[in-house]
Protein backbone atom coordinates (compact mmCIF):
# COMPACT_ATOMS: atom_id res chain seq x y z
CA MET A 1 11.09 -9.55 -23.01
CA LYS A 2 8.07 -11.79 -23.53
CA ILE A 3 6.86 -13.41 -20.30
CA ALA A 4 4.40 -16.27 -19.79
CA ILE A 5 2.69 -17.05 -16.48
CA TYR A 6 1.26 -20.48 -15.62
CA GLY A 7 -0.47 -21.68 -12.48
CA ASP A 8 -3.55 -21.32 -10.31
CA SER A 9 -5.38 -18.46 -8.58
CA PHE A 10 -2.23 -17.17 -6.88
CA ALA A 11 -1.19 -15.96 -10.34
CA GLN A 12 -4.49 -15.58 -12.18
CA PRO A 13 -5.11 -12.10 -13.62
CA VAL A 14 -7.85 -9.93 -12.16
CA GLU A 15 -10.66 -9.00 -14.52
CA PHE A 16 -10.25 -5.70 -16.34
CA GLY A 17 -11.68 -2.75 -14.45
CA TYR A 18 -10.64 -3.80 -10.96
CA LYS A 19 -7.79 -1.99 -9.21
CA GLY A 20 -6.17 -5.29 -8.28
CA ASN A 21 -5.10 -5.77 -11.88
CA ASP A 22 -2.72 -2.81 -11.46
CA PHE A 23 -0.78 -4.32 -8.55
CA LEU A 24 -0.96 -8.09 -9.22
CA TRP A 25 2.62 -9.32 -8.73
CA CYS A 26 2.81 -10.79 -12.26
CA ASN A 27 1.96 -7.46 -13.86
CA SER A 28 4.21 -5.31 -11.70
CA LEU A 29 7.07 -7.78 -12.27
CA ALA A 30 6.59 -7.52 -16.03
CA ASN A 31 6.75 -3.72 -15.74
CA LYS A 32 10.01 -3.92 -13.77
CA LEU A 33 11.49 -6.18 -16.43
CA ASN A 34 10.19 -3.95 -19.25
CA GLY A 35 8.38 -6.98 -20.61
CA SER A 36 5.03 -7.96 -22.05
CA ILE A 37 3.03 -10.66 -20.35
CA ASN A 38 0.64 -13.44 -21.31
CA ASN A 39 -1.05 -15.01 -18.30
CA PHE A 40 -2.38 -18.59 -18.59
CA ALA A 41 -3.04 -19.09 -14.86
CA THR A 42 -6.50 -20.40 -13.95
CA THR A 43 -8.27 -20.64 -10.60
CA GLY A 44 -8.32 -24.12 -9.09
CA SER A 45 -6.35 -25.67 -11.93
CA SER A 46 -3.99 -28.62 -11.59
CA ILE A 47 -0.28 -28.88 -12.32
CA PHE A 48 -1.09 -31.13 -15.28
CA TYR A 49 -3.46 -28.52 -16.73
CA SER A 50 -0.78 -25.81 -16.51
CA TYR A 51 1.91 -28.20 -17.73
CA GLN A 52 -0.09 -28.83 -20.90
CA LYS A 53 -0.40 -25.06 -21.41
CA PHE A 54 3.36 -24.77 -20.97
CA LEU A 55 4.14 -27.50 -23.50
CA ARG A 56 2.02 -25.77 -26.14
CA THR A 57 3.41 -22.27 -25.63
CA TYR A 58 6.80 -22.08 -23.87
CA ASN A 59 8.83 -21.66 -27.08
CA GLU A 60 7.07 -18.36 -27.73
CA TYR A 61 8.48 -16.69 -24.60
CA ASP A 62 11.80 -15.47 -23.26
CA LEU A 63 10.84 -16.18 -19.65
CA CYS A 64 8.27 -18.55 -18.14
CA ILE A 65 7.06 -18.33 -14.55
CA PHE A 66 5.23 -21.37 -13.23
CA ALA A 67 3.25 -21.05 -9.99
CA VAL A 68 3.25 -24.70 -8.93
CA THR A 69 -0.05 -25.64 -7.33
CA SER A 70 -0.83 -28.63 -5.11
CA PRO A 71 0.00 -31.99 -6.73
CA ASN A 72 -3.24 -33.38 -5.30
CA ARG A 73 -5.72 -31.53 -7.51
CA TYR A 74 -8.04 -33.14 -10.03
CA ILE A 75 -6.51 -32.82 -13.47
CA LYS A 76 -9.25 -31.13 -15.52
CA PRO A 77 -12.24 -28.77 -15.26
CA LEU A 78 -15.71 -30.18 -14.74
CA LYS A 79 -19.11 -28.88 -15.77
CA ILE A 80 -21.89 -28.50 -13.26
CA SER A 81 -25.23 -26.91 -14.07
CA TYR A 82 -24.43 -23.67 -12.20
CA GLY A 83 -22.16 -21.52 -14.39
CA PRO A 84 -19.27 -22.48 -16.69
CA SER A 85 -16.88 -25.42 -16.41
CA ARG A 86 -14.63 -25.02 -13.40
CA HIS A 87 -11.65 -26.59 -11.69
CA ILE A 88 -12.49 -28.12 -8.31
CA ALA A 89 -9.36 -28.23 -6.20
CA SER A 90 -10.29 -30.07 -3.00
CA ILE A 91 -12.96 -31.72 -0.85
CA ASP A 92 -13.24 -28.43 1.06
CA GLN A 93 -14.25 -26.74 -2.20
CA ILE A 94 -16.74 -29.53 -2.95
CA ASN A 95 -18.34 -28.98 0.46
CA PHE A 96 -18.38 -25.22 -0.14
CA TYR A 97 -20.31 -25.76 -3.40
CA ARG A 98 -22.68 -28.15 -1.67
CA LYS A 99 -23.58 -25.42 0.81
CA LYS A 100 -23.56 -22.38 -1.48
CA LEU A 101 -24.77 -23.49 -4.92
CA LYS A 102 -28.13 -24.73 -6.16
CA LEU A 103 -27.22 -28.20 -7.37
CA ASN A 104 -29.36 -30.63 -9.33
CA ALA A 105 -29.21 -34.43 -9.03
CA GLU A 106 -26.52 -34.72 -11.73
CA ASP A 107 -24.37 -32.11 -9.98
CA ILE A 108 -24.65 -33.93 -6.67
CA GLN A 109 -23.69 -37.21 -8.32
CA LEU A 110 -20.69 -35.59 -10.01
CA LEU A 111 -19.46 -34.00 -6.77
CA ASN A 112 -19.89 -37.30 -4.92
CA TRP A 113 -17.84 -39.04 -7.61
CA LEU A 114 -15.15 -36.36 -7.42
CA GLU A 115 -15.02 -36.61 -3.63
CA GLY A 116 -14.36 -40.34 -4.09
CA TRP A 117 -11.48 -39.49 -6.44
CA PHE A 118 -9.90 -37.21 -3.84
CA LEU A 119 -10.33 -39.80 -1.08
CA SER A 120 -8.74 -42.59 -3.15
CA SER A 121 -5.97 -40.47 -4.68
CA ASP A 122 -2.41 -41.35 -3.60
CA GLY A 123 -0.41 -38.33 -2.44
CA ASN A 124 2.98 -39.99 -2.98
CA TYR A 125 2.09 -40.87 -6.56
CA ASN A 126 0.76 -37.35 -7.21
CA LYS A 127 3.95 -35.78 -5.83
CA CYS A 128 6.15 -38.09 -7.91
CA VAL A 129 4.28 -37.23 -11.13
CA SER A 130 4.36 -33.53 -10.24
CA ASP A 131 8.12 -33.56 -9.71
CA LEU A 132 8.61 -35.33 -13.05
CA MET A 133 6.61 -32.60 -14.80
CA MET A 134 8.63 -29.87 -13.05
CA ASN A 135 11.90 -31.50 -14.06
CA ASP A 136 10.69 -31.77 -17.64
CA ILE A 137 9.81 -28.08 -17.64
CA LEU A 138 13.34 -27.19 -16.52
CA ASN A 139 14.85 -29.55 -19.10
CA LYS A 140 12.87 -27.85 -21.85
CA LYS A 141 13.41 -24.27 -20.63
CA SER A 142 16.10 -24.04 -17.99
CA ASN A 143 15.47 -20.40 -17.01
CA THR A 144 11.86 -21.11 -16.02
CA ILE A 145 10.96 -19.85 -12.55
CA LEU A 146 9.13 -22.50 -10.52
CA TYR A 147 7.49 -21.07 -7.41
CA PRO A 148 5.39 -23.22 -5.06
CA CYS A 149 1.83 -22.23 -4.29
CA PHE A 150 1.71 -24.76 -1.44
CA LYS A 151 4.32 -26.34 0.79
CA GLU A 152 3.72 -29.78 -0.73
CA SER A 153 4.33 -28.44 -4.25
CA SER A 154 7.83 -27.15 -3.54
CA LEU A 155 11.05 -28.62 -4.89
CA ASP A 156 12.93 -26.62 -2.23
CA GLU A 157 11.80 -26.81 1.40
CA ASN A 158 13.46 -23.47 2.16
CA ILE A 159 11.01 -21.53 -0.03
CA ILE A 160 7.94 -20.08 1.68
CA SER A 161 4.95 -20.92 -0.50
CA PHE A 162 2.23 -18.51 -1.59
CA ASN A 163 -0.23 -20.34 0.64
CA GLN A 164 2.03 -19.89 3.67
CA MET A 165 2.31 -16.18 2.84
CA HIS A 166 -1.45 -16.02 2.53
CA LYS A 167 -1.89 -17.45 6.02
CA ILE A 168 0.47 -14.77 7.34
CA GLN A 169 -1.66 -12.15 5.61
CA LEU A 170 -4.88 -13.59 7.05
CA ALA A 171 -3.39 -13.50 10.54
CA LYS A 172 -2.44 -9.85 10.07
CA MET A 173 -6.07 -9.15 9.08
CA GLY A 174 -7.38 -10.94 12.14
CA LYS A 175 -8.95 -13.63 9.97
CA ASP A 176 -9.28 -17.30 10.82
CA VAL A 177 -6.39 -18.93 8.93
CA ASN A 178 -8.33 -22.21 8.95
CA ASP A 179 -11.29 -20.67 7.10
CA GLU A 180 -9.54 -19.92 3.82
CA GLN A 181 -12.31 -21.27 1.58
CA ASN A 182 -14.84 -18.73 2.84
CA PHE A 183 -12.30 -15.92 2.55
CA LEU A 184 -11.15 -16.86 -0.95
CA HIS A 185 -14.72 -16.73 -2.25
CA ASN A 186 -15.37 -13.26 -0.79
CA GLU A 187 -12.50 -11.15 -2.05
CA ASN A 188 -12.78 -7.55 -3.17
CA TYR A 189 -10.72 -7.29 -6.35
CA HIS A 190 -10.12 -3.59 -5.83
CA LYS A 191 -8.05 -4.53 -2.77
CA ILE A 192 -6.98 -8.13 -3.43
CA ALA A 193 -5.22 -9.70 -6.42
CA GLY A 194 -3.90 -13.25 -6.53
CA HIS A 195 -5.27 -13.53 -2.96
CA PHE A 196 -2.85 -10.84 -1.79
CA THR A 197 -3.08 -7.20 -0.79
CA GLU A 198 -1.07 -4.62 -2.71
CA SER A 199 1.72 -4.64 -0.13
CA PHE A 200 2.10 -8.44 -0.30
CA ASN A 201 2.01 -8.34 -4.11
CA ASN A 202 4.77 -5.72 -4.06
CA PHE A 203 6.86 -7.94 -1.80
CA ILE A 204 6.46 -10.93 -4.14
CA SER A 205 7.17 -8.84 -7.23
CA GLU A 206 10.36 -7.38 -5.79
CA MET A 207 11.55 -10.78 -4.57
CA MET A 208 10.95 -12.30 -8.01
CA TYR A 209 12.66 -9.38 -9.73
CA ASN A 210 15.82 -9.74 -7.62
CA LYS A 211 15.89 -13.46 -8.36
CA ILE A 212 15.48 -13.01 -12.12
CA LYS A 213 17.52 -9.86 -12.68
CA HIS A 214 20.31 -10.26 -10.13
CA GLY A 215 20.31 -13.97 -9.27
CA ILE A 216 19.64 -13.19 -5.60
CA ASP A 217 18.14 -15.99 -3.53
CA TYR A 218 14.59 -15.40 -2.35
CA ASP A 219 14.73 -13.18 0.73
CA PHE A 220 11.92 -13.74 3.22
CA SER A 221 13.47 -11.77 6.07
CA LYS A 222 10.99 -8.88 5.73
CA LEU A 223 7.90 -11.02 5.22
CA GLN A 224 6.57 -10.60 8.74
CA GLU A 225 7.11 -6.85 8.52
CA ILE A 226 4.74 -6.29 5.57
CA GLU A 227 2.10 -3.76 6.53
CA ILE A 228 -1.56 -3.93 5.54
CA ASP A 229 -4.53 -1.68 6.15
CA PRO A 230 -5.83 -2.71 9.60
CA THR A 231 -9.41 -1.88 8.52
CA ILE A 232 -10.04 -5.44 7.45
CA ASP A 233 -13.61 -4.81 6.28
CA TYR A 234 -12.08 -3.20 3.20
CA TYR A 235 -10.96 -6.66 2.13
CA ASP A 236 -14.39 -8.29 2.43
CA PHE A 237 -16.77 -8.58 -0.50
CA ILE A 238 -18.53 -5.42 -1.63
CA ASP A 239 -20.04 -4.33 -4.94
CA LYS A 240 -16.97 -4.78 -7.14
CA ARG A 241 -18.22 -2.24 -9.64
CA LYS A 242 -17.62 0.51 -7.08
CA ASP A 243 -14.63 1.80 -5.20
CA CYS A 244 -14.00 0.78 -1.61
CA PRO A 245 -15.34 3.08 1.11
CA LYS A 246 -12.90 5.66 2.42
């Protein structure tokens, strides 16, 4: 089975050499299905960006899994002077860059312009366009799995989004669930993949497997029972070239 993954950082592969790549839910799911995987997910990307990837590639795969991000993201990557082109997903991320990056005058102007786009963007319009894209995906490939990354990106209000799961994980770690931006930019990829610990990734992988293989509805009954290492410092940023302390 050939599997394609589309979406944002909740599905993006971890760079080679980090332990997180071994337990990322996409990869462990592919192993359970005895399939090969091609992962197109990109941090901070929009639904439109992933939708375009899907349109160009879906015919090459037996199964497509689409992690549906927020409908309110800017549609394309932008280039600032610090590093490569990047997707900027929200005003919170703009403010994070303002505080953390060395920006020149052109960068500041670009971020100010983008903040204006977010402030003037219409959420109802964005949701309508997003739903149309999701329906088109299902019309083109009916067995595609659409899973919401955020509550507002769901076509089914009964599904717990990746972001909601992430907040549960943060609470278990004793983290401030309202300070996600700082946490997301300080992850240790030996212990975190797709923003989740190994135990949360295993939960997602098994849930997806039962849905795909056996047609079982998503079961969230054990979500609150997922265990994580209570030594939360293991999940904070360290030198990613080295193993975590024991």
